[in-house]
Amino acid sequence: MCGANPCYAPSLSCGVRARNAMNSQNVQCRNVHKLRIRAGNDSDSGLDTAGVGSTLISPGWLTALRRNWGGGGDIPVANARPEQVADLLGGALFQALFTWFEESGPVYLLPTGPFSSFLIISDPIAAKHVLQKYGSVYSKGLVREVSEFLFGDGFATAEGEMWRVRRKAVGPGFHKSYLDTMVSLVFAPSAARMLEKVEVSCIQNIPVNIEAYYSQVTLDIIGKAVLNYDFDALSADTPIIQAVYDALKETEQRATDLLPIWKVPEVARFVSSRQRRAQNAVKIIRATTQELIDQCKAEVHREQAADTLNGEFGEEFYVDHRDPSILRFLLAAREETTETQLRDDLLSLLVAGHETTGSVLTWTTYLLAQNADALKRVQDEVDGVLLSNGVKRNPDYEDVKTKLPFLVRCINESMRLYPHPPVLLRRADISDTLPGGELVPAGQDVMISVYNIHHSEAVWGPTANEFDPMRFGPLDGPIPNEQNTEYRYIPFSGGPRKCVGDQFALMEAATVLSMLIRDFHFKLLPGQEIGLTTGATIHTTNGLFMNFSKR
């Protein structure tokens, strides 16, 4: 939402794992680490990355001819040297976009093939212009092309009238009563199960890969929230975790494939192991989702026939406290839709919602571990809300909404420094002119670099790369969003396609993190090298290992 974020755009990895390490400076104390991009797989996080993300490497002559096929006019063209691109393929391309942003300015052209390019936007005014003109000038474009194999006609990638209809159907499911129920019945109990695993590691004095734990707990949460299904990812391996990773990685890769054989799936599966793996992943995800739809539909039909639905239903209110899932909401609403459409909508929520909030939790924990003053302030705030005379309690909706403002600000600041996703993709359906006068021809793919906007000193001043939760103003002020920051802060996108699950994501992250901080001290495991790579979000390359101790 950034948890179940149906509006996410795949972040661009471009391809194979980085072959060489890219050295960068480590900034200590209050500064964010500029982490090293390095080779490696995700074995420590339990994910098998072999065969995922491999593609053709752009030969040098493509870059040499960029000005001929870029068509950028007066727009600067990124000096994307072949050896630089080769080092970044499959790594953290968003960091290269920042380097080219510093060299070329807030609007520049990035060649990606003999007849293709991205117009990179790193300016909040231009970003606002593009995002607000969705539907009239801009569309999802490439996002739909590369994600359709997974999301089908789900509202994550649907366009035009289909999107408006599906968005209207799904949106009411995220009302206040639903979120209230989620905090008490799903977020907190799932977090408690994760804390049990952390405590076992404390007793055994074993470092914890907290990134893997967050991936597991957010899958458990999104399974219950969307489908009322317990994946039990915290206790057992499940093939759907690997399937989700494989599918999301494939969406990234398709965006920059020089030879897009995936456009002919009947051929692709015979000539490409990567395509076979992606297609198998989608089969696993769809089969699981369809099974759950069938189970819930049978239950709802039985209850409707007996007129015994256990919730209240109205235009904007429906919660069954035994099963508060989005699936049950959609079925109880008796909204006219096909089996395929329902499945694709749920996939939009399930797949995107699993990965993004896990990444938010990972980087917020990392930043707090690096900033002792902020961590102490969060601990004091959490203790004041969740501890009374030594007795612990779990957070409820009002706690998260109003009583943990500094914790929420730390999460906001984490999403500024590590946005999920780091880029948003659009395509110009008709010619357009940006506020700065740059011409955007019809058919041009546009990449809004959220990461660049969030790290720009022109936007945030000289402390742009520092962790400062108070930069958004007093704690009794509004939670930062795209509107009250004039699109300087867009972790949930903006305009008509803004993430429908933004409040879900914030409340999920705050619930899990407040309970972890209530119970444990944590420190980074010394000597580990933390690298960056991308799925649909920003990941570490080998996990985030921490030592935990009971508070």
Protein backbone atom coordinates (compact mmCIF):
# COMPACT_ATOMS: atom_id res chain seq x y z
CA MET A 1 0.00 0.00 0.00
CA CYS A 2 3.12 1.47 -0.35
CA GLY A 3 2.26 -1.49 1.56
CA ALA A 4 -0.42 -2.57 -0.81
CA ASN A 5 0.56 0.08 -3.27
CA PRO A 6 -1.55 -0.40 -6.39
CA CYS A 7 -0.09 2.71 -7.94
CA TYR A 8 3.54 1.71 -7.83
CA ALA A 9 5.67 1.90 -10.95
CA PRO A 10 8.46 -0.65 -11.31
CA SER A 11 11.81 0.79 -10.40
CA LEU A 12 14.29 0.33 -13.23
CA SER A 13 17.06 -2.18 -12.62
CA CYS A 14 17.95 -2.61 -16.26
CA GLY A 15 19.23 -6.09 -15.98
CA VAL A 16 21.95 -8.39 -14.71
CA ARG A 17 23.62 -8.16 -11.34
CA ALA A 18 26.26 -5.48 -11.02
CA ARG A 19 29.61 -6.94 -12.04
CA ASN A 20 31.90 -4.60 -10.18
CA ALA A 21 31.67 -2.70 -6.94
CA MET A 22 30.99 1.02 -7.12
CA ASN A 23 32.77 2.75 -4.28
CA SER A 24 31.02 5.50 -2.44
CA GLN A 25 31.56 7.45 0.71
CA ASN A 26 30.12 6.33 4.03
CA VAL A 27 28.71 9.28 5.92
CA GLN A 28 28.45 8.64 9.65
CA CYS A 29 26.26 9.92 12.49
CA ARG A 30 23.29 11.95 11.25
CA ASN A 31 24.21 11.58 7.63
CA VAL A 32 22.65 8.86 5.54
CA HIS A 33 25.07 6.18 4.38
CA LYS A 34 25.83 6.47 0.69
CA LEU A 35 26.00 2.73 0.36
CA ARG A 36 28.15 0.69 -1.97
CA ILE A 37 26.59 -0.98 -4.97
CA ARG A 38 28.07 -4.43 -5.08
CA ALA A 39 27.66 -7.80 -6.72
CA GLY A 40 25.94 -10.65 -4.95
CA ASN A 41 22.72 -12.55 -4.49
CA ASP A 42 20.07 -12.35 -1.82
CA SER A 43 20.89 -15.69 -0.24
CA ASP A 44 20.92 -14.25 3.26
CA SER A 45 17.36 -13.02 2.83
CA GLY A 46 16.23 -16.42 1.57
CA LEU A 47 15.65 -15.31 -2.01
CA ASP A 48 17.14 -17.11 -4.97
CA THR A 49 18.16 -14.53 -7.56
CA ALA A 50 19.82 -16.85 -10.06
CA GLY A 51 18.35 -16.30 -13.48
CA VAL A 52 16.44 -13.23 -12.37
CA GLY A 53 17.17 -9.89 -14.02
CA SER A 54 19.60 -11.01 -16.71
CA THR A 55 19.47 -9.28 -20.06
CA LEU A 56 21.51 -7.92 -22.94
CA ILE A 57 24.06 -5.22 -22.07
CA SER A 58 23.85 -2.07 -24.15
CA PRO A 59 26.91 -1.92 -26.45
CA GLY A 60 29.01 1.21 -26.50
CA TRP A 61 27.85 2.37 -29.91
CA LEU A 62 24.34 2.96 -28.55
CA THR A 63 25.65 5.53 -26.14
CA ALA A 64 27.90 7.06 -28.78
CA LEU A 65 24.90 7.64 -31.06
CA ARG A 66 22.59 8.89 -28.34
CA ARG A 67 22.23 12.42 -29.69
CA ASN A 68 21.07 11.13 -33.05
CA TRP A 69 18.26 8.99 -31.73
CA GLY A 70 17.45 10.84 -28.54
CA GLY A 71 15.56 13.65 -30.24
CA GLY A 72 16.03 15.86 -27.21
CA GLY A 73 16.58 19.20 -28.92
CA ASP A 74 17.93 21.55 -26.26
CA ILE A 75 17.33 19.03 -23.47
CA PRO A 76 20.67 17.80 -22.03
CA VAL A 77 21.55 14.16 -22.70
CA ALA A 78 23.00 12.11 -19.85
CA ASN A 79 26.62 11.16 -20.24
CA ALA A 80 25.79 7.51 -19.72
CA ARG A 81 29.13 5.88 -20.40
CA PRO A 82 28.92 2.20 -21.41
CA GLU A 83 31.25 1.00 -18.65
CA GLN A 84 29.22 2.93 -16.07
CA VAL A 85 25.95 1.40 -17.24
CA ALA A 86 27.49 -2.08 -17.27
CA ASP A 87 28.51 -1.66 -13.63
CA LEU A 88 24.99 -0.60 -12.67
CA LEU A 89 22.89 -3.17 -14.48
CA GLY A 90 20.78 -4.97 -11.91
CA GLY A 91 22.02 -2.74 -9.13
CA ALA A 92 20.75 0.64 -8.00
CA LEU A 93 20.17 2.56 -11.22
CA PHE A 94 18.38 5.30 -9.27
CA GLN A 95 21.77 6.33 -7.85
CA ALA A 96 23.16 6.70 -11.36
CA LEU A 97 20.14 8.85 -12.20
CA PHE A 98 21.19 11.12 -9.36
CA THR A 99 24.74 11.36 -10.70
CA TRP A 100 23.44 12.34 -14.14
CA PHE A 101 21.01 14.76 -12.48
CA GLU A 102 23.95 16.55 -10.85
CA GLU A 103 25.73 16.66 -14.21
CA SER A 104 22.80 17.47 -16.53
CA GLY A 105 20.18 19.27 -14.45
CA PRO A 106 16.59 18.59 -13.38
CA VAL A 107 15.33 17.55 -16.85
CA TYR A 108 17.51 15.41 -19.11
CA LEU A 109 17.33 12.61 -21.64
CA LEU A 110 18.61 9.11 -20.87
CA PRO A 111 19.14 6.91 -23.96
CA THR A 112 18.14 3.29 -23.48
CA GLY A 113 18.27 1.83 -26.99
CA PRO A 114 18.72 2.71 -30.65
CA PHE A 115 15.21 4.15 -30.86
CA SER A 116 14.23 4.71 -27.25
CA SER A 117 14.96 7.02 -24.34
CA PHE A 118 13.57 8.23 -21.04
CA LEU A 119 12.99 11.86 -20.21
CA ILE A 120 14.22 12.06 -16.61
CA ILE A 121 12.45 14.58 -14.38
CA SER A 122 14.00 15.58 -11.06
CA ASP A 123 12.06 18.78 -10.43
CA PRO A 124 8.94 18.91 -8.21
CA ILE A 125 7.13 21.47 -10.39
CA ALA A 126 7.60 19.35 -13.52
CA ALA A 127 6.71 16.20 -11.58
CA LYS A 128 3.47 17.79 -10.38
CA HIS A 129 2.65 18.80 -13.96
CA VAL A 130 3.08 15.26 -15.28
CA LEU A 131 1.37 13.44 -12.40
CA GLN A 132 -1.66 15.74 -12.36
CA LYS A 133 -2.12 15.37 -16.12
CA TYR A 134 -2.62 11.62 -15.93
CA GLY A 135 -5.55 10.65 -18.12
CA SER A 136 -5.52 13.78 -20.28
CA VAL A 137 -1.89 13.91 -21.46
CA TYR A 138 -0.01 11.07 -19.76
CA SER A 139 -0.72 7.39 -19.17
CA LYS A 140 1.01 4.49 -17.42
CA GLY A 141 2.42 3.49 -20.81
CA LEU A 142 5.48 1.35 -20.26
CA VAL A 143 4.34 0.36 -16.77
CA ARG A 144 1.29 -1.36 -18.22
CA GLU A 145 3.30 -3.03 -20.98
CA VAL A 146 5.86 -4.57 -18.66
CA SER A 147 3.41 -5.47 -15.85
CA GLU A 148 0.42 -6.78 -17.74
CA PHE A 149 1.74 -10.35 -17.61
CA LEU A 150 1.34 -10.16 -13.82
CA PHE A 151 -1.47 -7.71 -13.07
CA GLY A 152 -3.60 -8.30 -16.16
CA ASP A 153 -6.38 -5.72 -16.10
CA GLY A 154 -6.03 -5.02 -12.39
CA PHE A 155 -6.37 -1.40 -11.35
CA ALA A 156 -2.61 -1.10 -10.74
CA THR A 157 -2.06 -0.89 -14.48
CA ALA A 158 -5.55 -0.36 -15.95
CA GLU A 159 -6.08 2.81 -17.97
CA GLY A 160 -8.98 5.11 -18.83
CA GLU A 161 -12.53 4.16 -17.95
CA MET A 162 -11.53 0.68 -16.78
CA TRP A 163 -9.19 2.20 -14.20
CA ARG A 164 -11.81 4.71 -13.00
CA VAL A 165 -14.37 1.93 -12.49
CA ARG A 166 -11.94 -0.38 -10.67
CA ARG A 167 -10.51 2.44 -8.53
CA LYS A 168 -14.03 3.40 -7.46
CA ALA A 169 -14.77 -0.20 -6.52
CA VAL A 170 -11.60 -0.78 -4.49
CA GLY A 171 -11.18 2.63 -2.85
CA PRO A 172 -13.98 2.39 -0.23
CA GLY A 173 -12.30 -0.69 1.20
CA PHE A 174 -9.67 1.52 2.83
CA HIS A 175 -12.04 3.54 5.01
CA LYS A 176 -11.41 4.39 8.69
CA SER A 177 -13.29 1.42 10.12
CA TYR A 178 -11.27 -0.95 7.97
CA LEU A 179 -7.98 0.60 9.11
CA ASP A 180 -9.13 0.53 12.73
CA THR A 181 -9.84 -3.17 12.42
CA MET A 182 -6.56 -3.82 10.61
CA VAL A 183 -4.45 -2.31 13.41
CA SER A 184 -6.09 -4.42 16.12
CA LEU A 185 -6.80 -7.68 14.32
CA VAL A 186 -3.99 -7.92 11.75
CA PHE A 187 -1.07 -5.50 12.18
CA ALA A 188 -0.47 -5.93 15.91
CA PRO A 189 -0.95 -9.73 16.12
CA SER A 190 1.33 -10.25 13.11
CA ALA A 191 3.96 -7.99 14.64
CA ALA A 192 3.73 -9.94 17.90
CA ARG A 193 4.58 -13.15 16.04
CA MET A 194 7.61 -11.44 14.50
CA LEU A 195 8.76 -10.29 17.94
CA GLU A 196 8.65 -13.88 19.15
CA LYS A 197 11.20 -14.78 16.47
CA VAL A 198 13.37 -11.81 17.44
CA GLU A 199 13.28 -12.90 21.07
CA VAL A 200 14.47 -16.40 20.18
CA SER A 201 17.46 -14.86 18.39
CA CYS A 202 18.15 -12.74 21.49
CA ILE A 203 18.18 -15.81 23.71
CA GLN A 204 20.51 -17.61 21.29
CA ASN A 205 22.63 -14.47 20.83
CA ILE A 206 22.26 -14.71 17.03
CA PRO A 207 22.19 -11.62 14.76
CA VAL A 208 18.87 -11.04 13.00
CA ASN A 209 18.44 -10.26 9.32
CA ILE A 210 15.66 -7.81 10.07
CA GLU A 211 15.03 -7.16 6.37
CA ALA A 212 14.01 -10.81 5.93
CA TYR A 213 11.77 -10.67 9.02
CA TYR A 214 10.07 -7.54 7.70
CA SER A 215 9.49 -9.22 4.35
CA GLN A 216 7.86 -12.14 6.13
CA VAL A 217 5.63 -10.12 8.46
CA THR A 218 4.42 -7.80 5.69
CA LEU A 219 3.50 -10.82 3.54
CA ASP A 220 1.52 -12.24 6.46
CA ILE A 221 -0.19 -8.88 6.94
CA ILE A 222 -1.07 -8.28 3.31
CA GLY A 223 -2.32 -11.85 2.93
CA LYS A 224 -4.79 -11.35 5.77
CA ALA A 225 -5.70 -7.78 4.80
CA VAL A 226 -6.41 -8.54 1.15
CA LEU A 227 -7.41 -12.22 1.08
CA ASN A 228 -7.94 -13.28 4.73
CA TYR A 229 -5.20 -15.84 4.17
CA ASP A 230 -2.35 -16.64 6.54
CA PHE A 231 0.77 -17.28 4.51
CA ASP A 232 2.57 -18.06 7.78
CA ALA A 233 5.71 -16.63 6.22
CA LEU A 234 7.24 -16.04 9.67
CA SER A 235 7.15 -19.75 10.43
CA ALA A 236 7.44 -21.58 7.13
CA ASP A 237 8.87 -21.14 3.67
CA THR A 238 6.22 -20.45 1.05
CA PRO A 239 6.79 -20.51 -2.70
CA ILE A 240 4.74 -17.36 -3.15
CA ILE A 241 7.51 -15.22 -1.58
CA GLN A 242 9.94 -16.29 -4.28
CA ALA A 243 7.19 -16.01 -6.88
CA VAL A 244 6.45 -12.40 -5.92
CA TYR A 245 10.15 -11.50 -6.07
CA ASP A 246 10.60 -13.16 -9.46
CA ALA A 247 7.53 -11.46 -10.91
CA LEU A 248 8.49 -7.98 -9.71
CA LYS A 249 12.06 -8.41 -10.93
CA GLU A 250 10.73 -9.38 -14.34
CA THR A 251 8.64 -6.21 -14.56
CA GLU A 252 11.77 -4.12 -14.03
CA GLN A 253 13.79 -6.03 -16.56
CA ARG A 254 11.21 -5.74 -19.28
CA ALA A 255 11.37 -1.96 -19.09
CA THR A 256 14.85 -1.85 -20.61
CA ASP A 257 15.22 -5.08 -22.56
CA LEU A 258 16.90 -4.39 -25.89
CA LEU A 259 15.31 -7.53 -27.32
CA PRO A 260 11.80 -7.72 -25.80
CA ILE A 261 11.04 -11.35 -26.59
CA TRP A 262 8.50 -11.28 -23.77
CA LYS A 263 6.12 -9.59 -26.22
CA VAL A 264 5.78 -13.02 -27.84
CA PRO A 265 5.22 -15.22 -24.77
CA GLU A 266 4.67 -18.41 -26.78
CA VAL A 267 8.21 -18.08 -28.14
CA ALA A 268 9.81 -16.56 -25.04
CA ARG A 269 9.12 -19.53 -22.78
CA PHE A 270 11.01 -21.86 -25.15
CA VAL A 271 14.10 -19.72 -25.65
CA SER A 272 14.50 -17.96 -22.28
CA SER A 273 14.84 -19.53 -18.84
CA ARG A 274 14.12 -16.09 -17.37
CA GLN A 275 10.75 -16.02 -19.12
CA ARG A 276 9.91 -19.54 -18.01
CA ARG A 277 10.70 -18.57 -14.46
CA ALA A 278 8.55 -15.45 -14.65
CA GLN A 279 5.61 -17.34 -16.15
CA ASN A 280 5.86 -20.02 -13.46
CA ALA A 281 5.87 -17.31 -10.79
CA VAL A 282 2.67 -15.80 -12.16
CA LYS A 283 1.02 -19.24 -12.21
CA ILE A 284 1.80 -19.72 -8.52
CA ILE A 285 0.50 -16.27 -7.56
CA ARG A 286 -2.67 -16.54 -9.63
CA ALA A 287 -3.47 -20.08 -8.50
CA THR A 288 -3.13 -19.09 -4.84
CA THR A 289 -5.28 -15.99 -5.32
CA GLN A 290 -7.99 -17.86 -7.23
CA GLU A 291 -8.22 -20.55 -4.57
CA LEU A 292 -8.78 -17.92 -1.91
CA ILE A 293 -11.38 -16.11 -4.00
CA ASP A 294 -13.31 -19.36 -4.43
CA GLN A 295 -13.23 -20.07 -0.69
CA CYS A 296 -14.38 -16.59 0.29
CA LYS A 297 -17.07 -16.47 -2.40
CA ALA A 298 -18.58 -19.74 -1.17
CA GLU A 299 -18.66 -18.42 2.40
CA VAL A 300 -20.23 -15.09 1.42
CA HIS A 301 -22.86 -16.83 -0.71
CA ARG A 302 -23.79 -19.09 2.21
CA GLU A 303 -24.14 -16.15 4.54
CA GLN A 304 -26.06 -14.03 2.05
CA ALA A 305 -28.44 -16.90 1.40
CA ALA A 306 -29.03 -17.16 5.15
CA ASP A 307 -28.98 -13.34 5.52
CA THR A 308 -26.38 -13.64 8.28
CA LEU A 309 -23.52 -11.38 7.13
CA ASN A 310 -21.54 -10.47 10.22
CA GLY A 311 -20.76 -6.93 9.17
CA GLU A 312 -22.47 -3.72 8.28
CA PHE A 313 -22.62 -2.69 4.67
CA GLY A 314 -23.21 0.68 3.14
CA GLU A 315 -21.78 2.74 0.33
CA GLU A 316 -18.69 3.66 2.33
CA PHE A 317 -18.77 1.27 5.25
CA TYR A 318 -18.40 -2.46 5.54
CA VAL A 319 -16.38 -4.44 8.04
CA ASP A 320 -16.75 -8.07 8.97
CA HIS A 321 -14.68 -8.37 12.14
CA ARG A 322 -14.21 -12.09 11.57
CA ASP A 323 -12.95 -11.50 8.04
CA PRO A 324 -12.19 -7.81 7.35
CA SER A 325 -10.35 -8.50 4.09
CA ILE A 326 -10.66 -6.43 0.93
CA LEU A 327 -11.77 -9.62 -0.87
CA ARG A 328 -14.75 -10.01 1.43
CA PHE A 329 -15.60 -6.32 1.03
CA LEU A 330 -15.67 -6.62 -2.76
CA LEU A 331 -17.74 -9.80 -2.70
CA ALA A 332 -20.19 -8.50 -0.11
CA ALA A 333 -20.65 -5.33 -2.17
CA ARG A 334 -22.03 -7.58 -4.95
CA GLU A 335 -20.22 -5.37 -7.40
CA GLU A 336 -20.51 -6.57 -10.98
CA THR A 337 -17.16 -7.83 -12.13
CA THR A 338 -15.64 -10.86 -13.79
CA GLU A 339 -13.64 -13.53 -11.99
CA THR A 340 -10.54 -12.45 -13.88
CA GLN A 341 -11.02 -8.77 -13.04
CA LEU A 342 -11.49 -9.52 -9.35
CA ARG A 343 -8.39 -11.70 -9.31
CA ASP A 344 -6.30 -9.05 -11.08
CA ASP A 345 -7.44 -6.32 -8.69
CA LEU A 346 -6.48 -8.44 -5.70
CA LEU A 347 -3.13 -9.26 -7.27
CA SER A 348 -2.48 -5.53 -7.63
CA LEU A 349 -2.90 -5.18 -3.88
CA LEU A 350 -1.22 -8.41 -2.82
CA VAL A 351 1.97 -8.27 -4.86
CA ALA A 352 2.74 -4.57 -4.58
CA GLY A 353 1.62 -4.40 -0.95
CA HIS A 354 3.97 -7.10 0.25
CA GLU A 355 7.28 -5.61 -0.79
CA THR A 356 6.96 -1.89 -0.26
CA THR A 357 6.14 -1.67 3.44
CA GLY A 358 8.85 -4.20 4.21
CA SER A 359 11.35 -1.85 2.60
CA VAL A 360 9.99 1.14 4.54
CA LEU A 361 10.47 -0.76 7.79
CA THR A 362 13.97 -1.89 6.81
CA TRP A 363 15.30 1.58 6.08
CA THR A 364 13.54 3.28 9.00
CA THR A 365 15.12 0.77 11.38
CA TYR A 366 18.49 1.28 9.70
CA LEU A 367 18.27 5.06 10.03
CA LEU A 368 17.19 4.94 13.67
CA ALA A 369 20.10 2.62 14.45
CA GLN A 370 22.41 5.29 12.96
CA ASN A 371 20.84 8.17 14.88
CA ALA A 372 20.92 7.65 18.65
CA ASP A 373 19.11 10.88 19.55
CA ALA A 374 16.18 10.14 17.26
CA LEU A 375 15.98 6.54 18.49
CA LYS A 376 15.93 7.67 22.13
CA ARG A 377 13.13 10.14 21.36
CA VAL A 378 11.10 7.42 19.64
CA GLN A 379 11.66 5.03 22.55
CA ASP A 380 10.42 7.64 25.04
CA GLU A 381 7.37 8.36 22.89
CA VAL A 382 6.51 4.68 22.45
CA ASP A 383 7.01 3.95 26.17
CA GLY A 384 4.68 6.81 27.07
CA VAL A 385 1.92 5.31 24.93
CA LEU A 386 2.40 1.53 25.11
CA LEU A 387 3.79 1.08 28.66
CA SER A 388 1.95 1.82 31.89
CA ASN A 389 3.43 0.77 35.25
CA GLY A 390 5.53 -1.81 33.44
CA VAL A 391 2.53 -3.33 31.65
CA LYS A 392 2.78 -3.53 27.86
CA ARG A 393 -0.08 -3.13 25.45
CA ASN A 394 -0.38 -3.18 21.69
CA PRO A 395 -1.13 0.01 19.74
CA ASP A 396 -4.61 0.75 18.46
CA TYR A 397 -5.83 3.00 15.68
CA GLU A 398 -5.92 6.18 17.75
CA ASP A 399 -2.42 5.55 19.11
CA VAL A 400 -0.97 5.34 15.62
CA LYS A 401 -3.09 8.16 14.28
CA THR A 402 -2.48 10.75 17.00
CA LYS A 403 -0.17 9.61 19.81
CA LEU A 404 3.04 8.57 18.01
CA PRO A 405 3.79 11.64 15.87
CA PHE A 406 7.58 11.51 16.08
CA LEU A 407 7.68 7.83 15.13
CA VAL A 408 5.49 8.59 12.12
CA ARG A 409 7.78 11.49 11.18
CA CYS A 410 10.76 9.13 11.27
CA ILE A 411 8.89 6.87 8.86
CA ASN A 412 8.09 9.90 6.65
CA GLU A 413 11.75 10.90 6.60
CA SER A 414 12.81 7.35 5.84
CA MET A 415 10.51 7.38 2.80
CA ARG A 416 12.08 10.63 1.70
CA LEU A 417 15.60 9.20 1.81
CA TYR A 418 14.63 5.74 0.54
CA PRO A 419 11.45 6.22 -1.53
CA HIS A 420 9.45 3.19 -2.62
CA PRO A 421 9.51 3.17 -5.56
CA PRO A 422 12.47 5.41 -6.37
CA VAL A 423 11.06 6.27 -9.81
CA LEU A 424 7.61 6.66 -11.39
CA LEU A 425 6.97 6.01 -15.07
CA ARG A 426 4.55 7.75 -17.42
CA ARG A 427 4.17 8.07 -21.20
CA ALA A 428 3.08 11.16 -23.13
CA ASP A 429 0.03 10.21 -25.20
CA ILE A 430 0.07 13.62 -26.89
CA SER A 431 2.74 16.29 -27.19
CA ASP A 432 3.24 18.43 -24.11
CA THR A 433 5.38 21.25 -22.76
CA LEU A 434 6.77 21.11 -19.22
CA PRO A 435 6.63 24.20 -16.97
CA GLY A 436 10.32 24.85 -17.74
CA GLY A 437 9.61 24.97 -21.48
CA GLU A 438 10.94 21.51 -22.33
CA LEU A 439 9.05 19.83 -25.17
CA VAL A 440 7.75 16.30 -24.61
CA PRO A 441 6.86 14.61 -27.92
CA ALA A 442 3.96 12.17 -28.13
CA GLY A 443 5.13 8.66 -27.29
CA GLN A 444 7.99 9.83 -25.05
CA ASP A 445 8.52 7.72 -21.94
CA VAL A 446 8.97 9.88 -18.86
CA MET A 447 10.68 8.82 -15.65
CA ILE A 448 10.04 10.94 -12.57
CA SER A 449 12.97 10.34 -10.25
CA VAL A 450 11.42 10.47 -6.81
CA TYR A 451 14.85 9.71 -5.36
CA ASN A 452 16.41 12.73 -7.09
CA ILE A 453 13.66 15.09 -5.94
CA HIS A 454 13.92 13.80 -2.38
CA HIS A 455 17.72 14.20 -2.34
CA SER A 456 18.00 17.49 -4.20
CA GLU A 457 19.74 20.28 -2.31
CA ALA A 458 17.87 22.75 -4.53
CA VAL A 459 14.66 21.35 -3.04
CA TRP A 460 15.66 20.45 0.53
CA GLY A 461 18.71 22.63 1.17
CA PRO A 462 22.21 21.61 2.26
CA THR A 463 20.88 18.94 4.66
CA ALA A 464 19.08 17.06 1.89
CA ASN A 465 21.10 13.88 2.51
CA GLU A 466 20.73 13.95 6.29
CA PHE A 467 18.16 12.17 8.43
CA ASP A 468 16.07 14.92 10.01
CA PRO A 469 12.51 13.90 10.95
CA MET A 470 11.70 17.48 12.05
CA ARG A 471 12.34 18.99 8.63
CA PHE A 472 8.61 18.75 7.89
CA GLY A 473 7.67 21.19 10.65
CA PRO A 474 6.09 20.89 14.13
CA LEU A 475 4.71 17.53 15.15
CA ASP A 476 1.23 18.95 15.56
CA GLY A 477 1.25 19.94 11.90
CA PRO A 478 -0.06 17.81 9.04
CA ILE A 479 1.60 14.60 7.97
CA PRO A 480 3.68 15.50 4.90
CA ASN A 481 2.23 14.60 1.53
CA GLU A 482 2.52 15.73 -2.06
CA GLN A 483 0.03 18.56 -1.65
CA ASN A 484 1.31 20.28 1.48
CA THR A 485 4.91 20.03 0.22
CA GLU A 486 4.13 21.17 -3.35
CA TYR A 487 5.28 17.81 -4.72
CA ARG A 488 8.68 18.04 -3.05
CA TYR A 489 7.70 14.85 -1.20
CA ILE A 490 5.98 12.19 -3.31
CA PRO A 491 6.56 8.72 -1.81
CA PHE A 492 2.97 7.78 -2.66
CA SER A 493 3.00 9.48 -6.07
CA GLY A 494 0.37 12.17 -6.70
CA GLY A 495 -2.44 13.24 -8.97
CA PRO A 496 -5.26 10.86 -9.96
CA ARG A 497 -3.02 7.78 -9.65
CA LYS A 498 -1.86 8.48 -6.11
CA CYS A 499 -1.53 5.34 -4.00
CA VAL A 500 -4.92 4.27 -2.66
CA GLY A 501 -3.30 2.54 0.32
CA ASP A 502 -1.09 5.33 1.69
CA GLN A 503 -2.79 5.41 5.11
CA PHE A 504 -2.73 1.62 5.30
CA ALA A 505 1.02 1.64 4.68
CA LEU A 506 1.79 4.30 7.29
CA MET A 507 -0.32 2.61 9.96
CA GLU A 508 1.13 -0.81 9.20
CA ALA A 509 4.71 0.45 9.44
CA ALA A 510 4.05 2.45 12.61
CA THR A 511 2.32 -0.47 14.33
CA VAL A 512 5.10 -2.98 13.62
CA LEU A 513 7.91 -0.55 14.44
CA SER A 514 6.35 0.75 17.67
CA MET A 515 6.04 -2.78 19.02
CA LEU A 516 9.63 -3.63 18.06
CA ILE A 517 10.94 -0.48 19.74
CA ARG A 518 8.77 -1.12 22.82
CA ASP A 519 10.41 -4.51 23.37
CA PHE A 520 13.97 -4.37 22.06
CA HIS A 521 17.20 -2.44 21.76
CA PHE A 522 18.93 -2.92 18.40
CA LYS A 523 22.31 -2.15 16.87
CA LEU A 524 23.79 -2.76 13.45
CA LEU A 525 26.03 -5.81 13.25
CA PRO A 526 29.57 -4.38 12.96
CA GLY A 527 31.61 -4.96 9.82
CA GLN A 528 28.80 -5.77 7.40
CA GLU A 529 28.80 -4.20 3.96
CA ILE A 530 25.33 -3.03 3.03
CA GLY A 531 24.69 -2.65 -0.68
CA LEU A 532 21.72 -1.31 -2.57
CA THR A 533 19.69 -2.94 -5.29
CA THR A 534 16.12 -2.62 -6.49
CA GLY A 535 13.06 -4.84 -6.67
CA ALA A 536 9.95 -2.73 -6.94
CA THR A 537 11.63 -0.94 -4.05
CA ILE A 538 15.10 -0.29 -2.63
CA HIS A 539 16.59 -3.40 -1.06
CA THR A 540 19.89 -4.30 0.52
CA THR A 541 21.90 -6.78 -1.53
CA ASN A 542 22.67 -9.16 1.34
CA GLY A 543 20.32 -8.30 4.16
CA LEU A 544 20.34 -5.91 7.13
CA PHE A 545 21.81 -7.73 10.12
CA MET A 546 21.28 -6.41 13.63
CA ASN A 547 21.95 -7.47 17.20
CA PHE A 548 18.85 -7.29 19.40
CA SER A 549 18.53 -7.28 23.18
CA LYS A 550 15.48 -7.10 25.42
CA ARG A 551 14.57 -3.72 26.85
